[in-house]
Amino acid sequence: MKILLDTHIALWAVADTTKLTSEVIALLESADNEVFYSTASVWEIAIKHKIKPEQMPVSENEFVFLCERTGFVRLPIENEHIYLIKTLTRPKDAPKHQDPFDRMLIAQAKQEGLTLLTHDSLIPYYHESCIMSV
């Protein structure tokens, strides 16, 4: 399986594995799986680290270093990913979701045939087959 990590899962995988379930750890460690992290996550971390470093203690540079050291593959943002965002829909009665980084991750996973591994309870409301909630 080809897995794209949402930002929380990626951070936990490289900086605090105690927050990951044994199921997620098994997915990440399986030789059968290829694990990706997105440039969107690097961008999100850079913004959050600059604004509130006490809440985002890992900088974007540290994050990239740790992802690369762990063997995760970087997934750049392509125009096709951006164009696909407009196809993402949610039910009108779904809770509000204001995170543009999450929408980019969903679009990337959908476009590239990856499974987006997420812990975010709002992402599954998109009802995309590429989403795996853990």
C-alpha atoms as a PDB file:
ATOM      1  CA  MET A   1       0.000   0.000   0.000  1.00  0.00           C
ATOM      2  CA  LYS A   2       1.126   3.553  -0.677  1.00  0.00           C
ATOM      3  CA  ILE A   3       0.358   5.730   2.346  1.00  0.00           C
ATOM      4  CA  LEU A   4       0.267   9.507   2.662  1.00  0.00           C
ATOM      5  CA  LEU A   5       0.509  10.666   6.265  1.00  0.00           C
ATOM      6  CA  ASP A   6      -1.570  13.561   7.494  1.00  0.00           C
ATOM      7  CA  THR A   7       0.443  16.113   9.420  1.00  0.00           C
ATOM      8  CA  HIS A   8      -0.439  14.824  12.905  1.00  0.00           C
ATOM      9  CA  ILE A   9       0.364  11.214  12.059  1.00  0.00           C
ATOM     10  CA  ALA A  10       3.639  12.250  10.381  1.00  0.00           C
ATOM     11  CA  LEU A  11       4.680  14.305  13.407  1.00  0.00           C
ATOM     12  CA  TRP A  12       3.819  11.495  15.776  1.00  0.00           C
ATOM     13  CA  ALA A  13       5.673   8.986  13.590  1.00  0.00           C
ATOM     14  CA  VAL A  14       8.923  10.954  13.671  1.00  0.00           C
ATOM     15  CA  ALA A  15       8.753  12.708  17.050  1.00  0.00           C
ATOM     16  CA  ASP A  16       6.357  10.953  19.463  1.00  0.00           C
ATOM     17  CA  THR A  17       5.480   7.384  18.512  1.00  0.00           C
ATOM     18  CA  THR A  18       3.720   6.854  21.856  1.00  0.00           C
ATOM     19  CA  LYS A  19       0.693   8.589  20.272  1.00  0.00           C
ATOM     20  CA  LEU A  20       0.447   5.973  17.514  1.00  0.00           C
ATOM     21  CA  THR A  21      -1.579   2.792  17.802  1.00  0.00           C
ATOM     22  CA  SER A  22       0.081  -0.562  17.216  1.00  0.00           C
ATOM     23  CA  GLU A  23      -2.004  -0.813  14.001  1.00  0.00           C
ATOM     24  CA  VAL A  24      -0.488   2.409  12.644  1.00  0.00           C
ATOM     25  CA  ILE A  25       3.034   1.421  13.670  1.00  0.00           C
ATOM     26  CA  ALA A  26       2.596  -1.899  11.843  1.00  0.00           C
ATOM     27  CA  LEU A  27       1.462  -0.060   8.691  1.00  0.00           C
ATOM     28  CA  LEU A  28       4.433   2.303   8.848  1.00  0.00           C
ATOM     29  CA  GLU A  29       6.965  -0.454   9.475  1.00  0.00           C
ATOM     30  CA  SER A  30       5.665  -2.925   6.898  1.00  0.00           C
ATOM     31  CA  ALA A  31       8.083  -3.498   4.030  1.00  0.00           C
ATOM     32  CA  ASP A  32       5.007  -3.851   1.792  1.00  0.00           C
ATOM     33  CA  ASN A  33       4.079  -0.192   2.289  1.00  0.00           C
ATOM     34  CA  GLU A  34       5.620   2.959   0.855  1.00  0.00           C
ATOM     35  CA  VAL A  35       5.105   5.942   3.168  1.00  0.00           C
ATOM     36  CA  PHE A  36       4.885   9.549   1.967  1.00  0.00           C
ATOM     37  CA  TYR A  37       4.817  12.931   3.662  1.00  0.00           C
ATOM     38  CA  SER A  38       3.576  16.013   1.866  1.00  0.00           C
ATOM     39  CA  THR A  39       5.130  19.377   1.169  1.00  0.00           C
ATOM     40  CA  ALA A  40       1.763  20.655   2.465  1.00  0.00           C
ATOM     41  CA  SER A  41       2.664  19.283   5.911  1.00  0.00           C
ATOM     42  CA  VAL A  42       6.053  21.005   5.788  1.00  0.00           C
ATOM     43  CA  TRP A  43       4.293  24.264   4.934  1.00  0.00           C
ATOM     44  CA  GLU A  44       1.717  23.806   7.711  1.00  0.00           C
ATOM     45  CA  ILE A  45       4.419  23.071  10.291  1.00  0.00           C
ATOM     46  CA  ALA A  46       6.456  26.113   9.189  1.00  0.00           C
ATOM     47  CA  ILE A  47       3.467  28.409   9.733  1.00  0.00           C
ATOM     48  CA  LYS A  48       2.464  26.892  13.076  1.00  0.00           C
ATOM     49  CA  HIS A  49       6.051  26.783  14.355  1.00  0.00           C
ATOM     50  CA  LYS A  50       6.536  30.467  13.535  1.00  0.00           C
ATOM     51  CA  ILE A  51       3.256  31.566  15.157  1.00  0.00           C
ATOM     52  CA  LYS A  52       3.271  29.318  18.247  1.00  0.00           C
ATOM     53  CA  PRO A  53       6.554  27.443  18.684  1.00  0.00           C
ATOM     54  CA  GLU A  54       5.470  26.233  22.124  1.00  0.00           C
ATOM     55  CA  GLN A  55       2.592  24.323  20.476  1.00  0.00           C
ATOM     56  CA  MET A  56       4.673  23.219  17.470  1.00  0.00           C
ATOM     57  CA  PRO A  57       8.114  22.483  18.928  1.00  0.00           C
ATOM     58  CA  VAL A  58       9.365  20.761  15.757  1.00  0.00           C
ATOM     59  CA  SER A  59      10.459  23.176  13.026  1.00  0.00           C
ATOM     60  CA  GLU A  60       9.849  22.498   9.352  1.00  0.00           C
ATOM     61  CA  ASN A  61      13.583  21.783   8.870  1.00  0.00           C
ATOM     62  CA  GLU A  62      13.630  19.268  11.713  1.00  0.00           C
ATOM     63  CA  PHE A  63      10.456  17.661  10.400  1.00  0.00           C
ATOM     64  CA  VAL A  64      11.904  17.149   6.914  1.00  0.00           C
ATOM     65  CA  PHE A  65      15.159  15.805   8.360  1.00  0.00           C
ATOM     66  CA  LEU A  66      13.287  13.322  10.570  1.00  0.00           C
ATOM     67  CA  CYS A  67      10.978  12.210   7.745  1.00  0.00           C
ATOM     68  CA  GLU A  68      13.900  11.639   5.395  1.00  0.00           C
ATOM     69  CA  ARG A  69      15.881   9.809   8.080  1.00  0.00           C
ATOM     70  CA  THR A  70      12.873   7.596   8.746  1.00  0.00           C
ATOM     71  CA  GLY A  71      12.654   6.706   5.062  1.00  0.00           C
ATOM     72  CA  PHE A  72       9.454   8.589   4.230  1.00  0.00           C
ATOM     73  CA  VAL A  73       9.203   9.875   0.668  1.00  0.00           C
ATOM     74  CA  ARG A  74       8.405  13.545  -0.003  1.00  0.00           C
ATOM     75  CA  LEU A  75       5.323  14.223  -2.105  1.00  0.00           C
ATOM     76  CA  PRO A  76       5.548  17.670  -3.730  1.00  0.00           C
ATOM     77  CA  ILE A  77       2.479  19.781  -4.455  1.00  0.00           C
ATOM     78  CA  GLU A  78       1.626  19.682  -8.160  1.00  0.00           C
ATOM     79  CA  ASN A  79      -0.865  21.774 -10.103  1.00  0.00           C
ATOM     80  CA  GLU A  80      -3.025  18.667 -10.617  1.00  0.00           C
ATOM     81  CA  HIS A  81      -3.392  18.375  -6.845  1.00  0.00           C
ATOM     82  CA  ILE A  82      -4.538  21.975  -6.609  1.00  0.00           C
ATOM     83  CA  TYR A  83      -7.055  21.551  -9.447  1.00  0.00           C
ATOM     84  CA  LEU A  84      -8.544  18.477  -7.750  1.00  0.00           C
ATOM     85  CA  ILE A  85      -9.392  20.363  -4.549  1.00  0.00           C
ATOM     86  CA  LYS A  86     -12.549  21.778  -6.156  1.00  0.00           C
ATOM     87  CA  THR A  87     -13.927  18.236  -6.552  1.00  0.00           C
ATOM     88  CA  LEU A  88     -13.902  17.576  -2.803  1.00  0.00           C
ATOM     89  CA  THR A  89     -17.323  17.824  -1.212  1.00  0.00           C
ATOM     90  CA  ARG A  90     -18.818  17.369   2.230  1.00  0.00           C
ATOM     91  CA  PRO A  91     -22.421  16.950   3.335  1.00  0.00           C
ATOM     92  CA  LYS A  92     -24.069  20.259   4.223  1.00  0.00           C
ATOM     93  CA  ASP A  93     -24.764  19.020   7.750  1.00  0.00           C
ATOM     94  CA  ALA A  94     -21.122  17.999   8.364  1.00  0.00           C
ATOM     95  CA  PRO A  95     -19.170  19.946  10.986  1.00  0.00           C
ATOM     96  CA  LYS A  96     -17.248  22.912   9.567  1.00  0.00           C
ATOM     97  CA  HIS A  97     -13.756  22.160   8.353  1.00  0.00           C
ATOM     98  CA  GLN A  98     -11.512  25.168   7.804  1.00  0.00           C
ATOM     99  CA  ASP A  99      -8.150  23.474   7.230  1.00  0.00           C
ATOM    100  CA  PRO A 100      -6.823  24.031   3.688  1.00  0.00           C
ATOM    101  CA  PHE A 101      -3.838  21.766   4.356  1.00  0.00           C
ATOM    102  CA  ASP A 102      -6.150  18.810   4.976  1.00  0.00           C
ATOM    103  CA  ARG A 103      -7.955  19.450   1.699  1.00  0.00           C
ATOM    104  CA  MET A 104      -4.611  19.481  -0.113  1.00  0.00           C
ATOM    105  CA  LEU A 105      -3.625  16.176   1.500  1.00  0.00           C
ATOM    106  CA  ILE A 106      -6.922  14.584   0.427  1.00  0.00           C
ATOM    107  CA  ALA A 107      -6.503  15.882  -3.123  1.00  0.00           C
ATOM    108  CA  GLN A 108      -2.919  14.603  -3.273  1.00  0.00           C
ATOM    109  CA  ALA A 109      -3.927  11.156  -2.028  1.00  0.00           C
ATOM    110  CA  LYS A 110      -6.846  11.013  -4.468  1.00  0.00           C
ATOM    111  CA  GLN A 111      -4.744  12.132  -7.455  1.00  0.00           C
ATOM    112  CA  GLU A 112      -1.784   9.860  -6.706  1.00  0.00           C
ATOM    113  CA  GLY A 113      -3.695   6.728  -5.687  1.00  0.00           C
ATOM    114  CA  LEU A 114      -2.439   6.908  -2.101  1.00  0.00           C
ATOM    115  CA  THR A 115      -4.233   6.121   1.139  1.00  0.00           C
ATOM    116  CA  LEU A 116      -4.389   9.164   3.412  1.00  0.00           C
ATOM    117  CA  LEU A 117      -3.792   7.967   6.956  1.00  0.00           C
ATOM    118  CA  THR A 118      -5.442  10.391   9.382  1.00  0.00           C
ATOM    119  CA  HIS A 119      -6.517  10.779  12.977  1.00  0.00           C
ATOM    120  CA  ASP A 120      -8.574  13.903  12.215  1.00  0.00           C
ATOM    121  CA  SER A 121     -12.268  13.233  12.850  1.00  0.00           C
ATOM    122  CA  LEU A 122     -13.340  15.866  10.293  1.00  0.00           C
ATOM    123  CA  ILE A 123     -11.541  14.422   7.260  1.00  0.00           C
ATOM    124  CA  PRO A 124     -13.755  11.317   6.806  1.00  0.00           C
ATOM    125  CA  TYR A 125     -16.729  13.595   6.121  1.00  0.00           C
ATOM    126  CA  TYR A 126     -15.295  14.032   2.612  1.00  0.00           C
ATOM    127  CA  HIS A 127     -16.314  10.412   1.882  1.00  0.00           C
ATOM    128  CA  GLU A 128     -13.320   9.820  -0.389  1.00  0.00           C
ATOM    129  CA  SER A 129     -12.200   6.218  -0.803  1.00  0.00           C
ATOM    130  CA  CYS A 130      -8.568   7.270  -0.301  1.00  0.00           C
ATOM    131  CA  ILE A 131      -9.148   8.186   3.380  1.00  0.00           C
ATOM    132  CA  MET A 132      -8.248   5.783   6.202  1.00  0.00           C
ATOM    133  CA  SER A 133      -9.151   7.029   9.668  1.00  0.00           C
ATOM    134  CA  VAL A 134      -7.236   5.573  12.611  1.00  0.00           C
END
